[in-house]
PDB file of all heavy atoms in Angstrom:
ATOM      1  N   ALA A   1     -11.733  -2.127   1.218  1.00  0.00           N
ATOM      2  CA  ALA A   1     -10.430  -1.459   1.227  1.00  0.00           C
ATOM      3  C   ALA A   1      -9.644  -1.961   2.428  1.00  0.00           C
ATOM      4  O   ALA A   1     -10.204  -2.219   3.488  1.00  0.00           O
ATOM      5  CB  ALA A   1     -10.619   0.053   1.302  1.00  0.00           C
ATOM      6  N   TYR A   2      -8.320  -2.082   2.253  1.00  0.00           N
ATOM      7  CA  TYR A   2      -7.504  -2.685   3.300  1.00  0.00           C
ATOM      8  C   TYR A   2      -6.276  -1.835   3.616  1.00  0.00           C
ATOM      9  O   TYR A   2      -5.149  -2.182   3.233  1.00  0.00           O
ATOM     10  CB  TYR A   2      -7.079  -4.087   2.881  1.00  0.00           C
ATOM     11  CG  TYR A   2      -8.237  -5.039   2.702  1.00  0.00           C
ATOM     12  CD1 TYR A   2      -8.784  -5.287   1.453  1.00  0.00           C
ATOM     13  CD2 TYR A   2      -8.803  -5.673   3.806  1.00  0.00           C
ATOM     14  CE1 TYR A   2      -9.851  -6.156   1.297  1.00  0.00           C
ATOM     15  CE2 TYR A   2      -9.871  -6.545   3.659  1.00  0.00           C
ATOM     16  CZ  TYR A   2     -10.389  -6.779   2.401  1.00  0.00           C
ATOM     17  OH  TYR A   2     -11.457  -7.633   2.256  1.00  0.00           O
ATOM     18  N   PRO A   3      -6.454  -0.733   4.345  1.00  0.00           N
ATOM     19  CA  PRO A   3      -5.275   0.045   4.745  1.00  0.00           C
ATOM     20  C   PRO A   3      -4.319  -0.755   5.614  1.00  0.00           C
ATOM     21  O   PRO A   3      -3.104  -0.536   5.573  1.00  0.00           O
ATOM     22  CB  PRO A   3      -5.868   1.237   5.510  1.00  0.00           C
ATOM     23  CG  PRO A   3      -7.263   0.833   5.869  1.00  0.00           C
ATOM     24  CD  PRO A   3      -7.705  -0.090   4.786  1.00  0.00           C
ATOM     25  N   SER A   4      -4.841  -1.716   6.390  1.00  0.00           N
ATOM     26  CA  SER A   4      -3.959  -2.531   7.230  1.00  0.00           C
ATOM     27  C   SER A   4      -2.996  -3.349   6.379  1.00  0.00           C
ATOM     28  O   SER A   4      -1.849  -3.591   6.776  1.00  0.00           O
ATOM     29  CB  SER A   4      -4.781  -3.445   8.147  1.00  0.00           C
ATOM     30  OG  SER A   4      -5.613  -4.308   7.388  1.00  0.00           O
ATOM     31  N   SER A   5      -3.439  -3.786   5.197  1.00  0.00           N
ATOM     32  CA  SER A   5      -2.557  -4.539   4.305  1.00  0.00           C
ATOM     33  C   SER A   5      -1.416  -3.671   3.794  1.00  0.00           C
ATOM     34  O   SER A   5      -0.303  -4.164   3.568  1.00  0.00           O
ATOM     35  CB  SER A   5      -3.340  -5.109   3.117  1.00  0.00           C
ATOM     36  OG  SER A   5      -4.113  -6.224   3.514  1.00  0.00           O
ATOM     37  N   VAL A   6      -1.690  -2.397   3.592  1.00  0.00           N
ATOM     38  CA  VAL A   6      -0.628  -1.475   3.176  1.00  0.00           C
ATOM     39  C   VAL A   6       0.465  -1.438   4.237  1.00  0.00           C
ATOM     40  O   VAL A   6       1.655  -1.597   3.945  1.00  0.00           O
ATOM     41  CB  VAL A   6      -1.183  -0.057   2.947  1.00  0.00           C
ATOM     42  CG1 VAL A   6      -0.054   0.893   2.528  1.00  0.00           C
ATOM     43  CG2 VAL A   6      -2.285  -0.059   1.893  1.00  0.00           C
ATOM     44  N   LEU A   7       0.061  -1.245   5.494  1.00  0.00           N
ATOM     45  CA  LEU A   7       1.034  -1.169   6.585  1.00  0.00           C
ATOM     46  C   LEU A   7       1.814  -2.466   6.727  1.00  0.00           C
ATOM     47  O   LEU A   7       3.039  -2.460   6.870  1.00  0.00           O
ATOM     48  CB  LEU A   7       0.319  -0.855   7.906  1.00  0.00           C
ATOM     49  CG  LEU A   7      -0.494   0.439   7.979  1.00  0.00           C
ATOM     50  CD1 LEU A   7      -1.126   0.588   9.363  1.00  0.00           C
ATOM     51  CD2 LEU A   7       0.370   1.654   7.658  1.00  0.00           C
ATOM     52  N   MET A   8       1.114  -3.601   6.692  1.00  0.00           N
ATOM     53  CA  MET A   8       1.750  -4.887   6.943  1.00  0.00           C
ATOM     54  C   MET A   8       2.713  -5.301   5.834  1.00  0.00           C
ATOM     55  O   MET A   8       3.686  -6.024   6.079  1.00  0.00           O
ATOM     56  CB  MET A   8       0.688  -5.971   7.128  1.00  0.00           C
ATOM     57  CG  MET A   8      -0.162  -5.820   8.367  1.00  0.00           C
ATOM     58  SD  MET A   8       0.799  -6.155   9.869  1.00  0.00           S
ATOM     59  CE  MET A   8      -0.490  -5.955  11.126  1.00  0.00           C
ATOM     60  N   ASN A   9       2.459  -4.866   4.608  1.00  0.00           N
ATOM     61  CA  ASN A   9       3.331  -5.228   3.493  1.00  0.00           C
ATOM     62  C   ASN A   9       4.453  -4.223   3.277  1.00  0.00           C
ATOM     63  O   ASN A   9       5.584  -4.603   2.969  1.00  0.00           O
ATOM     64  CB  ASN A   9       2.524  -5.381   2.205  1.00  0.00           C
ATOM     65  CG  ASN A   9       1.720  -6.672   2.149  1.00  0.00           C
ATOM     66  OD1 ASN A   9       2.249  -7.709   1.777  1.00  0.00           O
ATOM     67  ND2 ASN A   9       0.468  -6.621   2.543  1.00  0.00           N
ATOM     68  N   ALA A  10       4.154  -2.949   3.444  1.00  0.00           N
ATOM     69  CA  ALA A  10       5.148  -1.921   3.120  1.00  0.00           C
ATOM     70  C   ALA A  10       6.169  -1.709   4.236  1.00  0.00           C
ATOM     71  O   ALA A  10       7.361  -1.513   3.970  1.00  0.00           O
ATOM     72  CB  ALA A  10       4.446  -0.598   2.806  1.00  0.00           C
ATOM     73  N   ILE A  11       5.726  -1.733   5.496  1.00  0.00           N
ATOM     74  CA  ILE A  11       6.643  -1.384   6.589  1.00  0.00           C
ATOM     75  C   ILE A  11       7.800  -2.374   6.721  1.00  0.00           C
ATOM     76  O   ILE A  11       8.960  -1.958   6.828  1.00  0.00           O
ATOM     77  CB  ILE A  11       5.866  -1.206   7.907  1.00  0.00           C
ATOM     78  CG1 ILE A  11       5.034   0.089   7.827  1.00  0.00           C
ATOM     79  CG2 ILE A  11       6.808  -1.162   9.103  1.00  0.00           C
ATOM     80  CD1 ILE A  11       4.138   0.336   9.016  1.00  0.00           C
ATOM     81  N   PRO A  12       7.565  -3.695   6.704  1.00  0.00           N
ATOM     82  CA  PRO A  12       8.731  -4.588   6.778  1.00  0.00           C
ATOM     83  C   PRO A  12       9.672  -4.438   5.587  1.00  0.00           C
ATOM     84  O   PRO A  12      10.883  -4.611   5.733  1.00  0.00           O
ATOM     85  CB  PRO A  12       8.123  -5.988   6.846  1.00  0.00           C
ATOM     86  CG  PRO A  12       6.709  -5.850   6.432  1.00  0.00           C
ATOM     87  CD  PRO A  12       6.299  -4.460   6.774  1.00  0.00           C
ATOM     88  N   ALA A  13       9.134  -4.100   4.412  1.00  0.00           N
ATOM     89  CA  ALA A  13      10.000  -3.860   3.255  1.00  0.00           C
ATOM     90  C   ALA A  13      10.882  -2.643   3.501  1.00  0.00           C
ATOM     91  O   ALA A  13      12.091  -2.659   3.216  1.00  0.00           O
ATOM     92  CB  ALA A  13       9.154  -3.661   1.998  1.00  0.00           C
ATOM     93  N   GLN A  14      10.277  -1.596   4.050  1.00  0.00           N
ATOM     94  CA  GLN A  14      11.047  -0.386   4.341  1.00  0.00           C
ATOM     95  C   GLN A  14      12.090  -0.651   5.423  1.00  0.00           C
ATOM     96  O   GLN A  14      13.246  -0.229   5.316  1.00  0.00           O
ATOM     97  CB  GLN A  14      10.108   0.744   4.777  1.00  0.00           C
ATOM     98  CG  GLN A  14      10.805   2.100   4.860  1.00  0.00           C
ATOM     99  CD  GLN A  14       9.888   3.159   5.440  1.00  0.00           C
ATOM    100  OE1 GLN A  14       9.284   2.951   6.479  1.00  0.00           O
ATOM    101  NE2 GLN A  14       9.804   4.303   4.767  1.00  0.00           N
ATOM    102  N   VAL A  15      11.699  -1.373   6.465  1.00  0.00           N
ATOM    103  CA  VAL A  15      12.632  -1.707   7.540  1.00  0.00           C
ATOM    104  C   VAL A  15      13.793  -2.547   6.999  1.00  0.00           C
ATOM    105  O   VAL A  15      14.943  -2.380   7.418  1.00  0.00           O
ATOM    106  CB  VAL A  15      11.905  -2.461   8.676  1.00  0.00           C
ATOM    107  CG1 VAL A  15      12.902  -3.062   9.668  1.00  0.00           C
ATOM    108  CG2 VAL A  15      10.943  -1.528   9.410  1.00  0.00           C
ATOM    109  N   ALA A  16      13.505  -3.432   6.049  1.00  0.00           N
ATOM    110  CA  ALA A  16      14.549  -4.280   5.467  1.00  0.00           C
ATOM    111  C   ALA A  16      15.568  -3.466   4.678  1.00  0.00           C
ATOM    112  O   ALA A  16      16.682  -3.932   4.446  1.00  0.00           O
ATOM    113  CB  ALA A  16      13.924  -5.338   4.565  1.00  0.00           C
ATOM    114  N   GLY A  17      15.181  -2.268   4.259  1.00  0.00           N
ATOM    115  CA  GLY A  17      16.087  -1.425   3.493  1.00  0.00           C
ATOM    116  C   GLY A  17      15.776  -1.332   2.026  1.00  0.00           C
ATOM    117  O   GLY A  17      16.582  -0.820   1.237  1.00  0.00           O
ATOM    118  N   VAL A  18      14.598  -1.821   1.607  1.00  0.00           N
ATOM    119  CA  VAL A  18      14.191  -1.716   0.198  1.00  0.00           C
ATOM    120  C   VAL A  18      14.055  -0.234  -0.171  1.00  0.00           C
ATOM    121  O   VAL A  18      13.367   0.527   0.514  1.00  0.00           O
ATOM    122  CB  VAL A  18      12.858  -2.456  -0.042  1.00  0.00           C
ATOM    123  CG1 VAL A  18      12.398  -2.280  -1.480  1.00  0.00           C
ATOM    124  CG2 VAL A  18      13.004  -3.935   0.285  1.00  0.00           C
ATOM    125  N   GLN A  19      14.699   0.157  -1.252  1.00  0.00           N
ATOM    126  CA  GLN A  19      14.713   1.569  -1.623  1.00  0.00           C
ATOM    127  C   GLN A  19      13.470   2.006  -2.397  1.00  0.00           C
ATOM    128  O   GLN A  19      13.040   3.148  -2.294  1.00  0.00           O
ATOM    129  CB  GLN A  19      15.959   1.876  -2.473  1.00  0.00           C
ATOM    130  CG  GLN A  19      17.263   1.726  -1.704  1.00  0.00           C
ATOM    131  CD  GLN A  19      17.325   2.655  -0.504  1.00  0.00           C
ATOM    132  OE1 GLN A  19      17.206   3.870  -0.634  1.00  0.00           O
ATOM    133  NE2 GLN A  19      17.501   2.076   0.682  1.00  0.00           N
ATOM    134  N   GLU A  20      12.885   1.097  -3.178  1.00  0.00           N
ATOM    135  CA  GLU A  20      11.702   1.442  -3.975  1.00  0.00           C
ATOM    136  C   GLU A  20      10.569   0.474  -3.647  1.00  0.00           C
ATOM    137  O   GLU A  20      10.713  -0.738  -3.840  1.00  0.00           O
ATOM    138  CB  GLU A  20      12.002   1.393  -5.464  1.00  0.00           C
ATOM    139  CG  GLU A  20      12.913   2.494  -5.976  1.00  0.00           C
ATOM    140  CD  GLU A  20      13.044   2.446  -7.486  1.00  0.00           C
ATOM    141  OE1 GLU A  20      12.025   2.643  -8.182  1.00  0.00           O
ATOM    142  OE2 GLU A  20      14.167   2.176  -7.960  1.00  0.00           O
ATOM    143  N   ILE A  21       9.468   1.010  -3.160  1.00  0.00           N
ATOM    144  CA  ILE A  21       8.283   0.218  -2.843  1.00  0.00           C
ATOM    145  C   ILE A  21       7.150   0.733  -3.720  1.00  0.00           C
ATOM    146  O   ILE A  21       6.641   1.842  -3.530  1.00  0.00           O
ATOM    147  CB  ILE A  21       7.908   0.346  -1.356  1.00  0.00           C
ATOM    148  CG1 ILE A  21       9.091  -0.074  -0.465  1.00  0.00           C
ATOM    149  CG2 ILE A  21       6.681  -0.501  -1.035  1.00  0.00           C
ATOM    150  CD1 ILE A  21       8.875   0.205   1.016  1.00  0.00           C
ATOM    151  N   VAL A  22       6.778  -0.070  -4.712  1.00  0.00           N
ATOM    152  CA  VAL A  22       5.751   0.319  -5.681  1.00  0.00           C
ATOM    153  C   VAL A  22       4.445  -0.362  -5.295  1.00  0.00           C
ATOM    154  O   VAL A  22       4.361  -1.591  -5.276  1.00  0.00           O
ATOM    155  CB  VAL A  22       6.157  -0.078  -7.108  1.00  0.00           C
ATOM    156  CG1 VAL A  22       5.091   0.381  -8.105  1.00  0.00           C
ATOM    157  CG2 VAL A  22       7.517   0.507  -7.468  1.00  0.00           C
ATOM    158  N   MET A  23       3.448   0.418  -4.990  1.00  0.00           N
ATOM    159  CA  MET A  23       2.157  -0.127  -4.580  1.00  0.00           C
ATOM    160  C   MET A  23       1.147   0.006  -5.715  1.00  0.00           C
ATOM    161  O   MET A  23       1.028   1.070  -6.332  1.00  0.00           O
ATOM    162  CB  MET A  23       1.647   0.631  -3.350  1.00  0.00           C
ATOM    163  CG  MET A  23       0.290   0.192  -2.842  1.00  0.00           C
ATOM    164  SD  MET A  23      -0.135   1.131  -1.341  1.00  0.00           S
ATOM    165  CE  MET A  23      -1.678   1.886  -1.858  1.00  0.00           C
ATOM    166  N   VAL A  24       0.441  -1.084  -6.005  1.00  0.00           N
ATOM    167  CA  VAL A  24      -0.658  -1.031  -6.961  1.00  0.00           C
ATOM    168  C   VAL A  24      -1.948  -1.344  -6.219  1.00  0.00           C
ATOM    169  O   VAL A  24      -1.988  -2.203  -5.347  1.00  0.00           O
ATOM    170  CB  VAL A  24      -0.454  -2.013  -8.143  1.00  0.00           C
ATOM    171  CG1 VAL A  24       0.740  -1.603  -8.984  1.00  0.00           C
ATOM    172  CG2 VAL A  24      -0.286  -3.451  -7.661  1.00  0.00           C
ATOM    173  N   VAL A  25      -2.988  -0.620  -6.552  1.00  0.00           N
ATOM    174  CA  VAL A  25      -4.287  -0.819  -5.910  1.00  0.00           C
ATOM    175  C   VAL A  25      -5.375  -0.467  -6.909  1.00  0.00           C
ATOM    176  O   VAL A  25      -5.368   0.615  -7.495  1.00  0.00           O
ATOM    177  CB  VAL A  25      -4.429   0.036  -4.628  1.00  0.00           C
ATOM    178  CG1 VAL A  25      -4.190   1.525  -4.898  1.00  0.00           C
ATOM    179  CG2 VAL A  25      -5.782  -0.179  -3.967  1.00  0.00           C
ATOM    180  N   PRO A  26      -6.311  -1.377  -7.172  1.00  0.00           N
ATOM    181  CA  PRO A  26      -7.401  -1.054  -8.103  1.00  0.00           C
ATOM    182  C   PRO A  26      -8.347  -0.031  -7.486  1.00  0.00           C
ATOM    183  O   PRO A  26      -8.531   0.005  -6.262  1.00  0.00           O
ATOM    184  CB  PRO A  26      -8.093  -2.403  -8.318  1.00  0.00           C
ATOM    185  CG  PRO A  26      -7.758  -3.206  -7.099  1.00  0.00           C
ATOM    186  CD  PRO A  26      -6.401  -2.762  -6.659  1.00  0.00           C
ATOM    187  N   THR A  27      -8.930   0.791  -8.335  1.00  0.00           N
ATOM    188  CA  THR A  27      -9.919   1.770  -7.876  1.00  0.00           C
ATOM    189  C   THR A  27     -11.167   1.636  -8.745  1.00  0.00           C
ATOM    190  O   THR A  27     -11.357   2.400  -9.695  1.00  0.00           O
ATOM    191  CB  THR A  27      -9.355   3.206  -7.964  1.00  0.00           C
ATOM    192  OG1 THR A  27      -8.860   3.441  -9.295  1.00  0.00           O
ATOM    193  CG2 THR A  27      -8.225   3.416  -6.980  1.00  0.00           C
ATOM    194  N   PRO A  28     -12.012   0.644  -8.451  1.00  0.00           N
ATOM    195  CA  PRO A  28     -13.232   0.452  -9.250  1.00  0.00           C
ATOM    196  C   PRO A  28     -14.058   1.727  -9.340  1.00  0.00           C
ATOM    197  O   PRO A  28     -14.246   2.426  -8.344  1.00  0.00           O
ATOM    198  CB  PRO A  28     -13.971  -0.642  -8.480  1.00  0.00           C
ATOM    199  CG  PRO A  28     -12.893  -1.392  -7.768  1.00  0.00           C
ATOM    200  CD  PRO A  28     -11.880  -0.346  -7.379  1.00  0.00           C
ATOM    201  N   ASP A  29     -14.501   2.036 -10.557  1.00  0.00           N
ATOM    202  CA  ASP A  29     -15.278   3.253 -10.839  1.00  0.00           C
ATOM    203  C   ASP A  29     -14.480   4.517 -10.546  1.00  0.00           C
ATOM    204  O   ASP A  29     -15.036   5.608 -10.427  1.00  0.00           O
ATOM    205  CB  ASP A  29     -16.590   3.266 -10.035  1.00  0.00           C
ATOM    206  CG  ASP A  29     -17.449   2.044 -10.312  1.00  0.00           C
ATOM    207  OD1 ASP A  29     -17.689   1.765 -11.505  1.00  0.00           O
ATOM    208  OD2 ASP A  29     -17.849   1.355  -9.359  1.00  0.00           O
ATOM    209  N   GLY A  30     -13.164   4.381 -10.428  1.00  0.00           N
ATOM    210  CA  GLY A  30     -12.309   5.541 -10.215  1.00  0.00           C
ATOM    211  C   GLY A  30     -12.316   6.095  -8.807  1.00  0.00           C
ATOM    212  O   GLY A  30     -11.799   7.186  -8.566  1.00  0.00           O
ATOM    213  N   VAL A  31     -12.872   5.347  -7.860  1.00  0.00           N
ATOM    214  CA  VAL A  31     -12.985   5.838  -6.480  1.00  0.00           C
ATOM    215  C   VAL A  31     -11.757   5.421  -5.678  1.00  0.00           C
ATOM    216  O   VAL A  31     -11.467   4.231  -5.535  1.00  0.00           O
ATOM    217  CB  VAL A  31     -14.258   5.303  -5.801  1.00  0.00           C
ATOM    218  CG1 VAL A  31     -14.338   5.783  -4.359  1.00  0.00           C
ATOM    219  CG2 VAL A  31     -15.497   5.743  -6.583  1.00  0.00           C
ATOM    220  N   LYS A  32     -11.031   6.399  -5.146  1.00  0.00           N
ATOM    221  CA  LYS A  32      -9.847   6.132  -4.336  1.00  0.00           C
ATOM    222  C   LYS A  32     -10.218   6.141  -2.858  1.00  0.00           C
ATOM    223  O   LYS A  32     -10.907   7.050  -2.400  1.00  0.00           O
ATOM    224  CB  LYS A  32      -8.770   7.197  -4.597  1.00  0.00           C
ATOM    225  CG  LYS A  32      -8.272   7.230  -6.021  1.00  0.00           C
ATOM    226  CD  LYS A  32      -7.321   8.396  -6.239  1.00  0.00           C
ATOM    227  CE  LYS A  32      -6.869   8.465  -7.690  1.00  0.00           C
ATOM    228  NZ  LYS A  32      -6.029   9.658  -7.956  1.00  0.00           N
ATOM    229  N   ASN A  33      -9.748   5.151  -2.139  1.00  0.00           N
ATOM    230  CA  ASN A  33     -10.008   5.082  -0.710  1.00  0.00           C
ATOM    231  C   ASN A  33      -8.971   5.911   0.036  1.00  0.00           C
ATOM    232  O   ASN A  33      -7.767   5.669  -0.071  1.00  0.00           O
ATOM    233  CB  ASN A  33      -9.963   3.623  -0.237  1.00  0.00           C
ATOM    234  CG  ASN A  33     -10.275   3.491   1.239  1.00  0.00           C
ATOM    235  OD1 ASN A  33      -9.400   3.650   2.082  1.00  0.00           O
ATOM    236  ND2 ASN A  33     -11.534   3.207   1.552  1.00  0.00           N
ATOM    237  N   GLN A  34      -9.439   6.879   0.812  1.00  0.00           N
ATOM    238  CA  GLN A  34      -8.524   7.806   1.465  1.00  0.00           C
ATOM    239  C   GLN A  34      -7.687   7.152   2.556  1.00  0.00           C
ATOM    240  O   GLN A  34      -6.522   7.519   2.765  1.00  0.00           O
ATOM    241  CB  GLN A  34      -9.316   8.992   2.041  1.00  0.00           C
ATOM    242  CG  GLN A  34     -10.010   9.850   0.976  1.00  0.00           C
ATOM    243  CD  GLN A  34      -9.031  10.401  -0.044  1.00  0.00           C
ATOM    244  OE1 GLN A  34      -8.207  11.256   0.277  1.00  0.00           O
ATOM    245  NE2 GLN A  34      -9.107   9.919  -1.276  1.00  0.00           N
ATOM    246  N   MET A  35      -8.232   6.162   3.251  1.00  0.00           N
ATOM    247  CA  MET A  35      -7.441   5.493   4.285  1.00  0.00           C
ATOM    248  C   MET A  35      -6.308   4.676   3.679  1.00  0.00           C
ATOM    249  O   MET A  35      -5.221   4.579   4.257  1.00  0.00           O
ATOM    250  CB  MET A  35      -8.323   4.604   5.165  1.00  0.00           C
ATOM    251  CG  MET A  35      -9.047   5.345   6.267  1.00  0.00           C
ATOM    252  SD  MET A  35      -9.717   4.221   7.534  1.00  0.00           S
ATOM    253  CE  MET A  35      -8.244   3.884   8.523  1.00  0.00           C
ATOM    254  N   VAL A  36      -6.555   4.073   2.526  1.00  0.00           N
ATOM    255  CA  VAL A  36      -5.507   3.310   1.845  1.00  0.00           C
ATOM    256  C   VAL A  36      -4.381   4.253   1.419  1.00  0.00           C
ATOM    257  O   VAL A  36      -3.191   3.945   1.609  1.00  0.00           O
ATOM    258  CB  VAL A  36      -6.084   2.555   0.636  1.00  0.00           C
ATOM    259  CG1 VAL A  36      -4.972   2.039  -0.276  1.00  0.00           C
ATOM    260  CG2 VAL A  36      -6.947   1.394   1.104  1.00  0.00           C
TER     261      VAL A  36
END
C-alpha cells in the first residue's frame, strides 16, 4: 500500500486548482488499507 503516492499525486492537483480528483485503488480480497 502506498499512502505516500496518494499525497504526492493528489496534493499538486489540488494546489493547481483541479476541482475533481478521482482516485482508484485496487483492494485485493476486498481489504481496504486504512492509511491509503
